[in-house]
Amino acid sequence: ALVVHENADRVLMEKNRFWDNGRAASVGSGSNCCLGSVVFRRNLIFSSTTQGGGVGAGLRVGPARAFEAYHNTVDNTPAYAFKLGDDGRVDRAVLINNIVRSAGRAIEVYAPNIPNITSDRNLFWNAPLPSGWQHDRTSIFKDPMFVDNPRANDYYTRRGSPARNVALHEPRFVDAAHYNYCHTGPDIGFLESCT
């Protein structure tokens, strides 16, 4: 659905909804060279498809100087939610405050191409992490408790969801200048659930 490459820098992908795509976004390309910094924030990816040769995936990144993913929700991606470094080096990668549910793999990392990764305060459910993964020290491994028919209801969460009020709260993670949260703290995932 979305392709970013050819030396782009200071790229912000924000508040998008991707669905029924073979892959929601491909960021960076070894053959078309490198990216500078890329931020992928408050996006929703769901129901990726393998029809017509689609990968059934969320987002792949590489090469890039820096890639940061904050407050995204990824659901029902048969292949993977995030793939880092498959086509080149990503000097710094950050994955914080994301929900990944029902993915073939939550994260794929080509370790030699990812020298510096921070991944924390994410919520994973039915989405395996790489063998030996040690980056998510405060992440949650529980059902996010989406509302009924989440596809038609923006993947808000129900009361009692483990995603509510527990996201890391720093301005760069939640864009505090443009974003208000309800209750006692920001929620993990795409949108704040206030009811």
Protein backbone atom coordinates (compact mmCIF):
# COMPACT_ATOMS: atom_id res chain seq x y z
CA ALA A 1 0.00 0.00 0.00
CA LEU A 2 2.80 2.42 0.89
CA VAL A 3 6.41 2.52 -0.35
CA VAL A 4 9.12 4.89 0.93
CA HIS A 5 12.67 4.89 -0.46
CA GLU A 6 15.13 6.85 -2.69
CA ASN A 7 16.97 8.71 0.09
CA ALA A 8 13.88 10.09 1.81
CA ASP A 9 14.55 11.61 5.24
CA ARG A 10 12.46 12.92 8.15
CA VAL A 11 9.43 10.89 7.07
CA LEU A 12 6.35 10.74 9.31
CA MET A 13 3.64 8.17 8.54
CA GLU A 14 0.77 8.86 10.92
CA LYS A 15 -2.94 8.12 11.44
CA ASN A 16 -3.38 5.74 8.52
CA ARG A 17 -5.58 2.67 8.23
CA PHE A 18 -4.22 -0.18 6.10
CA TRP A 19 -6.34 -3.26 5.39
CA ASP A 20 -6.65 -6.03 2.82
CA ASN A 21 -3.12 -5.23 1.56
CA GLY A 22 -0.46 -7.78 0.68
CA ARG A 23 1.90 -5.66 2.81
CA ALA A 24 0.87 -2.40 4.44
CA ALA A 25 4.19 -0.59 4.01
CA SER A 26 7.67 -1.18 2.64
CA VAL A 27 10.23 1.29 3.94
CA GLY A 28 13.70 1.41 2.39
CA SER A 29 15.17 -0.64 -0.43
CA GLY A 30 18.65 -2.04 -0.92
CA SER A 31 18.44 -1.39 -4.66
CA ASN A 32 17.10 2.17 -4.30
CA CYS A 33 19.34 3.07 -1.40
CA CYS A 34 18.82 4.33 2.00
CA LEU A 35 16.50 6.33 4.17
CA GLY A 36 17.27 8.83 6.88
CA SER A 37 14.87 8.85 9.82
CA VAL A 38 11.35 7.42 9.61
CA VAL A 39 8.58 7.54 12.24
CA PHE A 40 5.55 5.24 11.94
CA ARG A 41 3.02 6.45 14.53
CA ARG A 42 -0.66 5.83 15.35
CA ASN A 43 -1.38 3.60 12.37
CA LEU A 44 -3.77 0.68 12.13
CA ILE A 45 -2.92 -2.41 10.05
CA PHE A 46 -5.41 -5.27 9.85
CA SER A 47 -6.40 -8.24 7.72
CA SER A 48 -3.34 -8.35 5.49
CA THR A 49 -3.92 -10.72 2.59
CA THR A 50 -2.02 -13.44 0.77
CA GLN A 51 -4.41 -13.38 -2.20
CA GLY A 52 -2.96 -12.48 -5.57
CA GLY A 53 0.58 -13.17 -4.37
CA GLY A 54 0.36 -10.87 -1.33
CA VAL A 55 2.78 -11.42 1.54
CA GLY A 56 0.13 -11.09 4.26
CA ALA A 57 2.30 -8.72 6.26
CA GLY A 58 2.48 -5.46 8.14
CA LEU A 59 5.58 -3.30 7.76
CA ARG A 60 9.15 -4.03 6.59
CA VAL A 61 12.08 -1.65 7.04
CA GLY A 62 15.65 -1.45 5.74
CA PRO A 63 17.98 0.20 4.99
CA ALA A 64 17.47 3.32 7.11
CA ARG A 65 19.41 5.46 9.58
CA ALA A 66 16.59 5.36 12.13
CA PHE A 67 13.15 3.78 12.32
CA GLU A 68 10.69 4.42 15.17
CA ALA A 69 7.24 2.84 15.58
CA TYR A 70 4.97 4.15 18.33
CA HIS A 71 1.30 3.49 19.17
CA ASN A 72 0.36 1.27 16.26
CA THR A 73 -2.14 -1.59 16.22
CA VAL A 74 -1.49 -4.59 13.96
CA ASP A 75 -4.03 -7.41 13.75
CA ASN A 76 -4.35 -10.49 11.56
CA THR A 77 -1.14 -10.45 9.53
CA PRO A 78 -0.43 -14.07 8.51
CA ALA A 79 3.29 -13.46 7.82
CA TYR A 80 4.59 -10.82 10.25
CA ALA A 81 3.73 -7.48 11.85
CA PHE A 82 7.20 -5.85 11.72
CA LYS A 83 10.26 -6.96 9.71
CA LEU A 84 13.51 -5.08 10.32
CA GLY A 85 16.75 -5.17 8.36
CA ASP A 86 15.94 -7.73 5.67
CA ASP A 87 17.20 -5.56 2.80
CA GLY A 88 19.85 -3.50 4.59
CA ARG A 89 21.06 -2.02 7.84
CA VAL A 90 18.82 -0.03 10.20
CA ASP A 91 21.21 1.85 12.49
CA ARG A 92 18.62 2.45 15.22
CA ALA A 93 15.20 0.82 15.59
CA VAL A 94 12.55 1.62 18.22
CA LEU A 95 9.26 -0.24 18.79
CA ILE A 96 7.24 1.14 21.71
CA ASN A 97 3.54 1.15 22.74
CA ASN A 98 2.35 -1.08 19.87
CA ILE A 99 -0.32 -3.79 19.89
CA VAL A 100 0.28 -6.90 17.76
CA ARG A 101 -2.44 -9.55 17.71
CA SER A 102 -2.75 -12.64 15.52
CA ALA A 103 0.44 -12.42 13.48
CA GLY A 104 2.51 -15.25 12.03
CA ARG A 105 5.40 -13.51 13.80
CA ALA A 106 5.22 -10.29 15.78
CA ILE A 107 8.74 -9.19 14.82
CA GLU A 108 11.34 -10.49 12.38
CA VAL A 109 14.83 -9.11 12.85
CA TYR A 110 17.91 -9.70 10.71
CA ALA A 111 20.25 -9.25 13.66
CA PRO A 112 23.48 -8.35 11.79
CA ASN A 113 21.63 -5.41 10.22
CA ILE A 114 20.09 -4.12 13.45
CA PRO A 115 22.90 -3.05 15.81
CA ASN A 116 20.71 -0.93 18.10
CA ILE A 117 17.11 -1.87 18.93
CA THR A 118 14.76 -0.68 21.65
CA SER A 119 11.50 -2.60 21.93
CA ASP A 120 9.34 -2.17 25.00
CA ARG A 121 5.86 -1.63 26.46
CA ASN A 122 4.24 -3.41 23.54
CA LEU A 123 1.27 -5.77 23.85
CA PHE A 124 1.47 -9.13 22.05
CA TRP A 125 -1.23 -11.77 21.69
CA ASN A 126 -1.04 -14.83 19.42
CA ALA A 127 2.03 -13.24 17.82
CA PRO A 128 5.33 -15.03 18.55
CA LEU A 129 8.57 -13.15 19.09
CA PRO A 130 11.95 -14.31 17.75
CA SER A 131 13.70 -17.09 19.63
CA GLY A 132 15.87 -15.64 22.38
CA TRP A 133 14.24 -12.20 22.17
CA GLN A 134 15.29 -10.14 25.21
CA HIS A 135 14.29 -6.60 24.33
CA ASP A 136 10.76 -6.32 25.73
CA ARG A 137 11.24 -6.14 29.49
CA THR A 138 7.91 -4.45 30.29
CA SER A 139 5.79 -5.67 27.39
CA ILE A 140 2.48 -7.43 27.97
CA PHE A 141 1.47 -10.83 26.65
CA LYS A 142 -2.33 -10.78 26.99
CA ASP A 143 -5.47 -10.44 24.91
CA PRO A 144 -5.90 -6.71 24.14
CA MET A 145 -9.70 -7.09 24.50
CA PHE A 146 -10.80 -5.16 21.44
CA VAL A 147 -14.41 -4.03 21.15
CA ASP A 148 -16.84 -6.23 19.23
CA ASN A 149 -16.33 -6.10 15.46
CA PRO A 150 -13.04 -4.19 15.79
CA ARG A 151 -12.61 -3.84 12.00
CA ALA A 152 -15.65 -1.56 11.90
CA ASN A 153 -14.88 0.14 15.23
CA ASP A 154 -11.26 1.32 14.95
CA TYR A 155 -9.86 -1.32 17.29
CA TYR A 156 -10.78 0.50 20.46
CA THR A 157 -10.37 -1.63 23.59
CA ARG A 158 -12.96 -2.59 26.19
CA ARG A 159 -12.84 -1.64 29.85
CA GLY A 160 -10.38 -3.85 31.66
CA SER A 161 -8.08 -4.16 28.65
CA PRO A 162 -4.41 -4.60 29.60
CA ALA A 163 -3.59 -1.97 26.94
CA ARG A 164 -5.33 0.82 28.84
CA ASN A 165 -3.47 3.52 30.77
CA VAL A 166 -0.09 1.72 30.74
CA ALA A 167 1.82 3.07 27.73
CA LEU A 168 5.21 4.66 28.21
CA HIS A 169 4.47 8.35 28.53
CA GLU A 170 7.10 10.56 27.04
CA PRO A 171 6.41 13.35 24.56
CA ARG A 172 8.19 11.63 21.68
CA PHE A 173 6.15 8.45 22.21
CA VAL A 174 2.71 10.06 22.41
CA ASP A 175 3.27 13.39 20.62
CA ALA A 176 2.07 15.18 23.75
CA ALA A 177 1.81 18.54 22.00
CA HIS A 178 -0.99 17.20 19.80
CA TYR A 179 -2.47 14.33 21.78
CA ASN A 180 -4.50 14.07 24.96
CA TYR A 181 -5.19 10.87 26.83
CA CYS A 182 -8.09 10.05 29.11
CA HIS A 183 -8.07 8.37 32.52
CA THR A 184 -4.77 7.89 34.35
CA GLY A 185 -2.38 7.50 31.42
CA PRO A 186 -2.05 6.86 27.68
CA ASP A 187 -3.11 3.55 26.14
CA ILE A 188 -0.96 1.18 24.14
CA GLY A 189 -2.09 0.99 20.50
CA PHE A 190 -3.62 3.04 17.71
CA LEU A 191 -6.29 5.06 19.51
CA GLU A 192 -7.10 6.08 23.06
CA SER A 193 -10.14 4.26 24.48
CA CYS A 194 -12.10 6.58 26.74
CA THR A 195 -15.46 4.87 27.28
